[in-house]
Amino acid sequence: MIMFKYDYYDKNAALYIRDSLNGIVRYQDHNGNLHIKLMLDEKESAECGSSNNALAFGYWTGKVSPGTRVMCTVRKFATETRDIQVRIDSVEYDAEIAA
């Protein structure tokens, strides 16, 4: 199975690439890129060897407010100068509409 190493955050951290991850949008830039804080559960945190939340980014065509929950899949690894790149699988607009 393919593993992903969060070398930028922790050399021992690993996570399955094919797993969908929950995240919360930090902000959306003018190009449509969503900057996300990935929310790792206890199992994923244990696999990663860290309780820290990883930072990621991905593209979404619609407008998304900060704090909106998203589901995403890892596409590219993190480097020292770049966060994890993810594919946005879905955006949870329900919480945004209810507010």
PDB file of N, CA and C in Angstrom:
ATOM      1  N   MET A   1       0.837  -1.176   0.000  1.00  0.00           N
ATOM      2  CA  MET A   1       0.000   0.000   0.000  1.00  0.00           C
ATOM      3  C   MET A   1       0.886   1.245   0.000  1.00  0.00           C
ATOM      4  N   ILE A   2       0.486   2.247  -0.744  1.00  0.00           N
ATOM      5  CA  ILE A   2       1.242   3.493  -0.840  1.00  0.00           C
ATOM      6  C   ILE A   2       1.090   4.276   0.457  1.00  0.00           C
ATOM      7  N   MET A   3       2.193   4.758   0.969  1.00  0.00           N
ATOM      8  CA  MET A   3       2.174   5.547   2.200  1.00  0.00           C
ATOM      9  C   MET A   3       2.649   6.957   1.894  1.00  0.00           C
ATOM     10  N   PHE A   4       2.206   7.894   2.662  1.00  0.00           N
ATOM     11  CA  PHE A   4       2.615   9.291   2.511  1.00  0.00           C
ATOM     12  C   PHE A   4       3.378   9.702   3.751  1.00  0.00           C
ATOM     13  N   LYS A   5       4.556  10.251   3.573  1.00  0.00           N
ATOM     14  CA  LYS A   5       5.345  10.704   4.717  1.00  0.00           C
ATOM     15  C   LYS A   5       5.256  12.212   4.816  1.00  0.00           C
ATOM     16  N   TYR A   6       4.890  12.710   5.983  1.00  0.00           N
ATOM     17  CA  TYR A   6       4.827  14.142   6.238  1.00  0.00           C
ATOM     18  C   TYR A   6       6.216  14.626   6.636  1.00  0.00           C
ATOM     19  N   ASP A   7       7.163  14.561   5.706  1.00  0.00           N
ATOM     20  CA  ASP A   7       8.548  14.919   6.020  1.00  0.00           C
ATOM     21  C   ASP A   7       8.670  16.343   6.537  1.00  0.00           C
ATOM     22  N   TYR A   8       7.838  17.230   6.054  1.00  0.00           N
ATOM     23  CA  TYR A   8       7.906  18.626   6.465  1.00  0.00           C
ATOM     24  C   TYR A   8       7.508  18.794   7.929  1.00  0.00           C
ATOM     25  N   TYR A   9       6.640  17.923   8.415  1.00  0.00           N
ATOM     26  CA  TYR A   9       6.140  18.040   9.780  1.00  0.00           C
ATOM     27  C   TYR A   9       6.827  17.073  10.741  1.00  0.00           C
ATOM     28  N   ASP A  10       6.944  15.826  10.343  1.00  0.00           N
ATOM     29  CA  ASP A  10       7.511  14.809  11.221  1.00  0.00           C
ATOM     30  C   ASP A  10       8.035  13.672  10.355  1.00  0.00           C
ATOM     31  N   LYS A  11       9.311  13.325  10.503  1.00  0.00           N
ATOM     32  CA  LYS A  11       9.914  12.313   9.636  1.00  0.00           C
ATOM     33  C   LYS A  11       9.295  10.938   9.815  1.00  0.00           C
ATOM     34  N   ASN A  12       8.716  10.648  10.966  1.00  0.00           N
ATOM     35  CA  ASN A  12       8.117   9.344  11.214  1.00  0.00           C
ATOM     36  C   ASN A  12       6.633   9.299  10.875  1.00  0.00           C
ATOM     37  N   ALA A  13       6.076  10.412  10.458  1.00  0.00           N
ATOM     38  CA  ALA A  13       4.641  10.480  10.196  1.00  0.00           C
ATOM     39  C   ALA A  13       4.308   9.835   8.862  1.00  0.00           C
ATOM     40  N   ALA A  14       3.239   9.067   8.835  1.00  0.00           N
ATOM     41  CA  ALA A  14       2.815   8.413   7.601  1.00  0.00           C
ATOM     42  C   ALA A  14       1.300   8.292   7.583  1.00  0.00           C
ATOM     43  N   LEU A  15       0.721   8.339   6.394  1.00  0.00           N
ATOM     44  CA  LEU A  15      -0.726   8.243   6.254  1.00  0.00           C
ATOM     45  C   LEU A  15      -1.023   7.641   4.887  1.00  0.00           C
ATOM     46  N   TYR A  16      -2.074   6.849   4.778  1.00  0.00           N
ATOM     47  CA  TYR A  16      -2.443   6.268   3.497  1.00  0.00           C
ATOM     48  C   TYR A  16      -2.935   7.356   2.553  1.00  0.00           C
ATOM     49  N   ILE A  17      -2.396   7.392   1.342  1.00  0.00           N
ATOM     50  CA  ILE A  17      -2.747   8.430   0.369  1.00  0.00           C
ATOM     51  C   ILE A  17      -4.214   8.358  -0.030  1.00  0.00           C
ATOM     52  N   ARG A  18      -4.771   7.162  -0.147  1.00  0.00           N
ATOM     53  CA  ARG A  18      -6.120   7.026  -0.682  1.00  0.00           C
ATOM     54  C   ARG A  18      -7.208   7.389   0.315  1.00  0.00           C
ATOM     55  N   ASP A  19      -6.879   7.600   1.562  1.00  0.00           N
ATOM     56  CA  ASP A  19      -7.882   7.940   2.571  1.00  0.00           C
ATOM     57  C   ASP A  19      -8.405   9.351   2.363  1.00  0.00           C
ATOM     58  N   SER A  20      -9.715   9.522   2.504  1.00  0.00           N
ATOM     59  CA  SER A  20     -10.292  10.864   2.494  1.00  0.00           C
ATOM     60  C   SER A  20     -10.126  11.467   3.876  1.00  0.00           C
ATOM     61  N   LEU A  21      -9.792  12.741   3.911  1.00  0.00           N
ATOM     62  CA  LEU A  21      -9.536  13.430   5.168  1.00  0.00           C
ATOM     63  C   LEU A  21     -10.504  14.584   5.350  1.00  0.00           C
ATOM     64  N   ASN A  22     -10.904  14.824   6.585  1.00  0.00           N
ATOM     65  CA  ASN A  22     -11.707  16.001   6.913  1.00  0.00           C
ATOM     66  C   ASN A  22     -10.786  17.191   7.075  1.00  0.00           C
ATOM     67  N   GLY A  23     -11.284  18.341   6.704  1.00  0.00           N
ATOM     68  CA  GLY A  23     -10.516  19.560   6.887  1.00  0.00           C
ATOM     69  C   GLY A  23     -11.434  20.740   7.112  1.00  0.00           C
ATOM     70  N   ILE A  24     -10.853  21.820   7.597  1.00  0.00           N
ATOM     71  CA  ILE A  24     -11.587  23.070   7.791  1.00  0.00           C
ATOM     72  C   ILE A  24     -10.867  24.153   7.004  1.00  0.00           C
ATOM     73  N   VAL A  25     -11.632  24.909   6.213  1.00  0.00           N
ATOM     74  CA  VAL A  25     -11.060  25.964   5.379  1.00  0.00           C
ATOM     75  C   VAL A  25     -10.544  27.095   6.259  1.00  0.00           C
ATOM     76  N   ARG A  26      -9.284  27.461   6.064  1.00  0.00           N
ATOM     77  CA  ARG A  26      -8.697  28.607   6.768  1.00  0.00           C
ATOM     78  C   ARG A  26      -9.028  29.886   6.012  1.00  0.00           C
ATOM     79  N   TYR A  27      -8.812  29.880   4.691  1.00  0.00           N
ATOM     80  CA  TYR A  27      -9.177  31.013   3.831  1.00  0.00           C
ATOM     81  C   TYR A  27      -9.102  30.566   2.378  1.00  0.00           C
ATOM     82  N   GLN A  28      -9.670  31.382   1.479  1.00  0.00           N
ATOM     83  CA  GLN A  28      -9.626  31.136   0.041  1.00  0.00           C
ATOM     84  C   GLN A  28      -8.974  32.342  -0.603  1.00  0.00           C
ATOM     85  N   ASP A  29      -7.924  32.102  -1.407  1.00  0.00           N
ATOM     86  CA  ASP A  29      -7.252  33.235  -2.049  1.00  0.00           C
ATOM     87  C   ASP A  29      -7.981  33.646  -3.327  1.00  0.00           C
ATOM     88  N   HIS A  30      -7.508  34.701  -3.982  1.00  0.00           N
ATOM     89  CA  HIS A  30      -8.195  35.252  -5.160  1.00  0.00           C
ATOM     90  C   HIS A  30      -8.161  34.319  -6.366  1.00  0.00           C
ATOM     91  N   ASN A  31      -7.299  33.290  -6.360  1.00  0.00           N
ATOM     92  CA  ASN A  31      -7.237  32.323  -7.459  1.00  0.00           C
ATOM     93  C   ASN A  31      -8.177  31.135  -7.250  1.00  0.00           C
ATOM     94  N   GLY A  32      -8.853  31.079  -6.121  1.00  0.00           N
ATOM     95  CA  GLY A  32      -9.756  29.966  -5.830  1.00  0.00           C
ATOM     96  C   GLY A  32      -9.118  28.854  -5.020  1.00  0.00           C
ATOM     97  N   ASN A  33      -7.842  29.001  -4.656  1.00  0.00           N
ATOM     98  CA  ASN A  33      -7.184  27.985  -3.842  1.00  0.00           C
ATOM     99  C   ASN A  33      -7.703  28.044  -2.415  1.00  0.00           C
ATOM    100  N   LEU A  34      -8.116  26.887  -1.899  1.00  0.00           N
ATOM    101  CA  LEU A  34      -8.540  26.790  -0.510  1.00  0.00           C
ATOM    102  C   LEU A  34      -7.336  26.399   0.329  1.00  0.00           C
ATOM    103  N   HIS A  35      -7.103  27.123   1.387  1.00  0.00           N
ATOM    104  CA  HIS A  35      -6.045  26.783   2.332  1.00  0.00           C
ATOM    105  C   HIS A  35      -6.736  26.134   3.519  1.00  0.00           C
ATOM    106  N   ILE A  36      -6.341  24.896   3.817  1.00  0.00           N
ATOM    107  CA  ILE A  36      -7.097  24.014   4.698  1.00  0.00           C
ATOM    108  C   ILE A  36      -6.238  23.534   5.865  1.00  0.00           C
ATOM    109  N   LYS A  37      -6.876  23.364   7.011  1.00  0.00           N
ATOM    110  CA  LYS A  37      -6.256  22.684   8.145  1.00  0.00           C
ATOM    111  C   LYS A  37      -6.887  21.299   8.192  1.00  0.00           C
ATOM    112  N   LEU A  38      -6.097  20.252   7.911  1.00  0.00           N
ATOM    113  CA  LEU A  38      -6.608  18.890   7.938  1.00  0.00           C
ATOM    114  C   LEU A  38      -6.865  18.472   9.375  1.00  0.00           C
ATOM    115  N   MET A  39      -8.031  17.895   9.611  1.00  0.00           N
ATOM    116  CA  MET A  39      -8.421  17.449  10.950  1.00  0.00           C
ATOM    117  C   MET A  39      -8.218  15.937  11.021  1.00  0.00           C
ATOM    118  N   LEU A  40      -7.159  15.516  11.677  1.00  0.00           N
ATOM    119  CA  LEU A  40      -6.841  14.099  11.781  1.00  0.00           C
ATOM    120  C   LEU A  40      -7.500  13.517  13.021  1.00  0.00           C
ATOM    121  N   ASP A  41      -8.153  12.343  12.862  1.00  0.00           N
ATOM    122  CA  ASP A  41      -8.753  11.698  14.031  1.00  0.00           C
ATOM    123  C   ASP A  41      -7.674  10.943  14.813  1.00  0.00           C
ATOM    124  N   GLU A  42      -8.073  10.266  15.879  1.00  0.00           N
ATOM    125  CA  GLU A  42      -7.107   9.591  16.744  1.00  0.00           C
ATOM    126  C   GLU A  42      -6.315   8.530  15.988  1.00  0.00           C
ATOM    127  N   LYS A  43      -6.993   7.753  15.134  1.00  0.00           N
ATOM    128  CA  LYS A  43      -6.316   6.698  14.373  1.00  0.00           C
ATOM    129  C   LYS A  43      -5.305   7.309  13.407  1.00  0.00           C
ATOM    130  N   GLU A  44      -5.720   8.337  12.674  1.00  0.00           N
ATOM    131  CA  GLU A  44      -4.821   8.987  11.717  1.00  0.00           C
ATOM    132  C   GLU A  44      -3.659   9.666  12.430  1.00  0.00           C
ATOM    133  N   SER A  45      -3.920  10.270  13.576  1.00  0.00           N
ATOM    134  CA  SER A  45      -2.851  10.907  14.348  1.00  0.00           C
ATOM    135  C   SER A  45      -1.843   9.872  14.815  1.00  0.00           C
ATOM    136  N   ALA A  46      -2.342   8.709  15.230  1.00  0.00           N
ATOM    137  CA  ALA A  46      -1.442   7.641  15.669  1.00  0.00           C
ATOM    138  C   ALA A  46      -0.601   7.138  14.504  1.00  0.00           C
ATOM    139  N   GLU A  47      -1.215   7.000  13.309  1.00  0.00           N
ATOM    140  CA  GLU A  47      -0.472   6.572  12.127  1.00  0.00           C
ATOM    141  C   GLU A  47       0.575   7.600  11.740  1.00  0.00           C
ATOM    142  N   CYS A  48       0.270   8.872  11.971  1.00  0.00           N
ATOM    143  CA  CYS A  48       1.193   9.941  11.616  1.00  0.00           C
ATOM    144  C   CYS A  48       2.259  10.147  12.678  1.00  0.00           C
ATOM    145  N   GLY A  49       2.042   9.613  13.857  1.00  0.00           N
ATOM    146  CA  GLY A  49       2.999   9.802  14.933  1.00  0.00           C
ATOM    147  C   GLY A  49       2.981  11.206  15.495  1.00  0.00           C
ATOM    148  N   SER A  50       1.899  11.928  15.269  1.00  0.00           N
ATOM    149  CA  SER A  50       1.815  13.311  15.723  1.00  0.00           C
ATOM    150  C   SER A  50       0.362  13.678  15.946  1.00  0.00           C
ATOM    151  N   SER A  51       0.106  14.551  16.905  1.00  0.00           N
ATOM    152  CA  SER A  51      -1.263  15.026  17.127  1.00  0.00           C
ATOM    153  C   SER A  51      -1.499  16.365  16.440  1.00  0.00           C
ATOM    154  N   ASN A  52      -0.475  16.890  15.774  1.00  0.00           N
ATOM    155  CA  ASN A  52      -0.598  18.187  15.095  1.00  0.00           C
ATOM    156  C   ASN A  52      -1.470  18.069  13.855  1.00  0.00           C
ATOM    157  N   ASN A  53      -2.214  19.112  13.561  1.00  0.00           N
ATOM    158  CA  ASN A  53      -3.000  19.157  12.335  1.00  0.00           C
ATOM    159  C   ASN A  53      -2.112  19.644  11.205  1.00  0.00           C
ATOM    160  N   ALA A  54      -2.199  18.984  10.063  1.00  0.00           N
ATOM    161  CA  ALA A  54      -1.377  19.331   8.913  1.00  0.00           C
ATOM    162  C   ALA A  54      -2.061  20.408   8.082  1.00  0.00           C
ATOM    163  N   LEU A  55      -1.283  21.264   7.436  1.00  0.00           N
ATOM    164  CA  LEU A  55      -1.808  22.302   6.555  1.00  0.00           C
ATOM    165  C   LEU A  55      -1.791  21.800   5.120  1.00  0.00           C
ATOM    166  N   ALA A  56      -2.822  22.176   4.354  1.00  0.00           N
ATOM    167  CA  ALA A  56      -2.945  21.715   2.974  1.00  0.00           C
ATOM    168  C   ALA A  56      -3.606  22.801   2.135  1.00  0.00           C
ATOM    169  N   PHE A  57      -3.575  22.607   0.802  1.00  0.00           N
ATOM    170  CA  PHE A  57      -4.291  23.514  -0.090  1.00  0.00           C
ATOM    171  C   PHE A  57      -4.825  22.725  -1.276  1.00  0.00           C
ATOM    172  N   GLY A  58      -5.916  23.224  -1.866  1.00  0.00           N
ATOM    173  CA  GLY A  58      -6.524  22.622  -3.037  1.00  0.00           C
ATOM    174  C   GLY A  58      -7.409  23.645  -3.724  1.00  0.00           C
ATOM    175  N   TYR A  59      -7.824  23.367  -4.969  1.00  0.00           N
ATOM    176  CA  TYR A  59      -8.600  24.318  -5.763  1.00  0.00           C
ATOM    177  C   TYR A  59     -10.081  23.956  -5.729  1.00  0.00           C
ATOM    178  N   TRP A  60     -10.933  24.975  -5.590  1.00  0.00           N
ATOM    179  CA  TRP A  60     -12.388  24.801  -5.647  1.00  0.00           C
ATOM    180  C   TRP A  60     -12.959  25.976  -6.424  1.00  0.00           C
ATOM    181  N   THR A  61     -13.875  25.702  -7.371  1.00  0.00           N
ATOM    182  CA  THR A  61     -14.374  26.753  -8.265  1.00  0.00           C
ATOM    183  C   THR A  61     -15.325  27.727  -7.589  1.00  0.00           C
ATOM    184  N   GLY A  62     -16.064  27.279  -6.596  1.00  0.00           N
ATOM    185  CA  GLY A  62     -17.023  28.155  -5.925  1.00  0.00           C
ATOM    186  C   GLY A  62     -16.410  28.918  -4.773  1.00  0.00           C
ATOM    187  N   LYS A  63     -17.162  29.894  -4.270  1.00  0.00           N
ATOM    188  CA  LYS A  63     -16.705  30.664  -3.108  1.00  0.00           C
ATOM    189  C   LYS A  63     -16.982  29.861  -1.845  1.00  0.00           C
ATOM    190  N   VAL A  64     -15.990  29.803  -0.972  1.00  0.00           N
ATOM    191  CA  VAL A  64     -16.102  29.051   0.275  1.00  0.00           C
ATOM    192  C   VAL A  64     -15.655  29.945   1.425  1.00  0.00           C
ATOM    193  N   SER A  65     -16.464  30.012   2.464  1.00  0.00           N
ATOM    194  CA  SER A  65     -16.152  30.849   3.627  1.00  0.00           C
ATOM    195  C   SER A  65     -15.187  30.138   4.571  1.00  0.00           C
ATOM    196  N   PRO A  66     -14.375  30.895   5.301  1.00  0.00           N
ATOM    197  CA  PRO A  66     -13.511  30.290   6.318  1.00  0.00           C
ATOM    198  C   PRO A  66     -14.354  29.541   7.351  1.00  0.00           C
ATOM    199  N   GLY A  67     -13.854  28.399   7.806  1.00  0.00           N
ATOM    200  CA  GLY A  67     -14.568  27.585   8.783  1.00  0.00           C
ATOM    201  C   GLY A  67     -15.439  26.507   8.168  1.00  0.00           C
ATOM    202  N   THR A  68     -15.603  26.501   6.838  1.00  0.00           N
ATOM    203  CA  THR A  68     -16.405  25.491   6.157  1.00  0.00           C
ATOM    204  C   THR A  68     -15.663  24.159   6.170  1.00  0.00           C
ATOM    205  N   ARG A  69     -16.391  23.067   6.425  1.00  0.00           N
ATOM    206  CA  ARG A  69     -15.778  21.729   6.441  1.00  0.00           C
ATOM    207  C   ARG A  69     -15.683  21.186   5.022  1.00  0.00           C
ATOM    208  N   VAL A  70     -14.578  20.501   4.715  1.00  0.00           N
ATOM    209  CA  VAL A  70     -14.359  19.890   3.408  1.00  0.00           C
ATOM    210  C   VAL A  70     -13.836  18.468   3.590  1.00  0.00           C
ATOM    211  N   MET A  71     -14.062  17.632   2.582  1.00  0.00           N
ATOM    212  CA  MET A  71     -13.457  16.304   2.502  1.00  0.00           C
ATOM    213  C   MET A  71     -12.457  16.362   1.363  1.00  0.00           C
ATOM    214  N   CYS A  72     -11.260  15.834   1.571  1.00  0.00           N
ATOM    215  CA  CYS A  72     -10.235  15.921   0.541  1.00  0.00           C
ATOM    216  C   CYS A  72      -9.332  14.693   0.559  1.00  0.00           C
ATOM    217  N   THR A  73      -8.620  14.495  -0.550  1.00  0.00           N
ATOM    218  CA  THR A  73      -7.690  13.395  -0.728  1.00  0.00           C
ATOM    219  C   THR A  73      -6.327  13.962  -1.076  1.00  0.00           C
ATOM    220  N   VAL A  74      -5.276  13.402  -0.499  1.00  0.00           N
ATOM    221  CA  VAL A  74      -3.915  13.880  -0.739  1.00  0.00           C
ATOM    222  C   VAL A  74      -3.515  13.622  -2.189  1.00  0.00           C
ATOM    223  N   ARG A  75      -2.964  14.648  -2.864  1.00  0.00           N
ATOM    224  CA  ARG A  75      -2.462  14.521  -4.237  1.00  0.00           C
ATOM    225  C   ARG A  75      -0.943  14.587  -4.312  1.00  0.00           C
ATOM    226  N   LYS A  76      -0.344  15.557  -3.620  1.00  0.00           N
ATOM    227  CA  LYS A  76       1.112  15.727  -3.655  1.00  0.00           C
ATOM    228  C   LYS A  76       1.644  15.930  -2.252  1.00  0.00           C
ATOM    229  N   PHE A  77       2.870  15.543  -2.066  1.00  0.00           N
ATOM    230  CA  PHE A  77       3.515  15.602  -0.760  1.00  0.00           C
ATOM    231  C   PHE A  77       3.902  17.015  -0.369  1.00  0.00           C
ATOM    232  N   ALA A  78       4.060  17.220   0.912  1.00  0.00           N
ATOM    233  CA  ALA A  78       4.533  18.502   1.432  1.00  0.00           C
ATOM    234  C   ALA A  78       6.042  18.605   1.230  1.00  0.00           C
ATOM    235  N   THR A  79       6.510  19.832   1.083  1.00  0.00           N
ATOM    236  CA  THR A  79       7.943  20.104   1.048  1.00  0.00           C
ATOM    237  C   THR A  79       8.219  21.187   2.080  1.00  0.00           C
ATOM    238  N   GLU A  80       9.459  21.603   2.174  1.00  0.00           N
ATOM    239  CA  GLU A  80       9.789  22.650   3.141  1.00  0.00           C
ATOM    240  C   GLU A  80       9.126  23.978   2.800  1.00  0.00           C
ATOM    241  N   THR A  81       8.858  24.213   1.526  1.00  0.00           N
ATOM    242  CA  THR A  81       8.286  25.496   1.105  1.00  0.00           C
ATOM    243  C   THR A  81       6.835  25.391   0.657  1.00  0.00           C
ATOM    244  N   ARG A  82       6.240  24.213   0.731  1.00  0.00           N
ATOM    245  CA  ARG A  82       4.894  24.028   0.197  1.00  0.00           C
ATOM    246  C   ARG A  82       4.091  23.080   1.080  1.00  0.00           C
ATOM    247  N   ASP A  83       2.829  23.425   1.330  1.00  0.00           N
ATOM    248  CA  ASP A  83       1.937  22.560   2.103  1.00  0.00           C
ATOM    249  C   ASP A  83       1.515  21.365   1.251  1.00  0.00           C
ATOM    250  N   ILE A  84       0.807  20.436   1.860  1.00  0.00           N
ATOM    251  CA  ILE A  84       0.278  19.270   1.161  1.00  0.00           C
ATOM    252  C   ILE A  84      -0.747  19.737   0.137  1.00  0.00           C
ATOM    253  N   GLN A  85      -0.688  19.198  -1.082  1.00  0.00           N
ATOM    254  CA  GLN A  85      -1.701  19.525  -2.087  1.00  0.00           C
ATOM    255  C   GLN A  85      -2.765  18.440  -2.043  1.00  0.00           C
ATOM    256  N   VAL A  86      -4.031  18.857  -2.001  1.00  0.00           N
ATOM    257  CA  VAL A  86      -5.139  17.911  -1.916  1.00  0.00           C
ATOM    258  C   VAL A  86      -6.135  18.141  -3.044  1.00  0.00           C
ATOM    259  N   ARG A  87      -6.926  17.107  -3.332  1.00  0.00           N
ATOM    260  CA  ARG A  87      -8.076  17.229  -4.233  1.00  0.00           C
ATOM    261  C   ARG A  87      -9.291  17.386  -3.333  1.00  0.00           C
ATOM    262  N   ILE A  88     -10.084  18.412  -3.560  1.00  0.00           N
ATOM    263  CA  ILE A  88     -11.288  18.641  -2.763  1.00  0.00           C
ATOM    264  C   ILE A  88     -12.372  17.701  -3.280  1.00  0.00           C
ATOM    265  N   ASP A  89     -12.808  16.770  -2.439  1.00  0.00           N
ATOM    266  CA  ASP A  89     -13.844  15.818  -2.828  1.00  0.00           C
ATOM    267  C   ASP A  89     -15.241  16.394  -2.622  1.00  0.00           C
ATOM    268  N   SER A  90     -15.441  17.108  -1.527  1.00  0.00           N
ATOM    269  CA  SER A  90     -16.751  17.699  -1.263  1.00  0.00           C
ATOM    270  C   SER A  90     -16.615  18.859  -0.286  1.00  0.00           C
ATOM    271  N   VAL A  91     -17.590  19.762  -0.364  1.00  0.00           N
ATOM    272  CA  VAL A  91     -17.656  20.919   0.530  1.00  0.00           C
ATOM    273  C   VAL A  91     -18.985  20.846   1.263  1.00  0.00           C
ATOM    274  N   GLU A  92     -18.971  21.009   2.577  1.00  0.00           N
ATOM    275  CA  GLU A  92     -20.184  20.935   3.396  1.00  0.00           C
ATOM    276  C   GLU A  92     -20.779  22.332   3.532  1.00  0.00           C
ATOM    277  N   TYR A  93     -21.656  22.674   2.581  1.00  0.00           N
ATOM    278  CA  TYR A  93     -22.281  23.997   2.588  1.00  0.00           C
ATOM    279  C   TYR A  93     -23.397  24.109   3.621  1.00  0.00           C
ATOM    280  N   ASP A  94     -23.914  22.979   4.145  1.00  0.00           N
ATOM    281  CA  ASP A  94     -25.037  22.999   5.088  1.00  0.00           C
ATOM    282  C   ASP A  94     -24.756  23.879   6.293  1.00  0.00           C
ATOM    283  N   ALA A  95     -23.590  23.736   6.885  1.00  0.00           N
ATOM    284  CA  ALA A  95     -23.244  24.531   8.068  1.00  0.00           C
ATOM    285  C   ALA A  95     -23.182  26.013   7.715  1.00  0.00           C
ATOM    286  N   GLU A  96     -22.743  26.306   6.501  1.00  0.00           N
ATOM    287  CA  GLU A  96     -22.629  27.695   6.046  1.00  0.00           C
ATOM    288  C   GLU A  96     -24.012  28.301   5.813  1.00  0.00           C
ATOM    289  N   ILE A  97     -24.936  27.511   5.257  1.00  0.00           N
ATOM    290  CA  ILE A  97     -26.278  27.999   4.955  1.00  0.00           C
ATOM    291  C   ILE A  97     -27.067  28.220   6.244  1.00  0.00           C
ATOM    292  N   ALA A  98     -26.871  27.346   7.237  1.00  0.00           N
ATOM    293  CA  ALA A  98     -27.608  27.438   8.493  1.00  0.00           C
ATOM    294  C   ALA A  98     -27.211  28.668   9.303  1.00  0.00           C
ATOM    295  N   ALA A  99     -26.009  29.162   9.094  1.00  0.00           N
ATOM    296  CA  ALA A  99     -25.527  30.305   9.891  1.00  0.00           C
ATOM    297  C   ALA A  99     -26.173  31.603   9.489  1.00  0.00           C
TER     298      ALA A  99
END
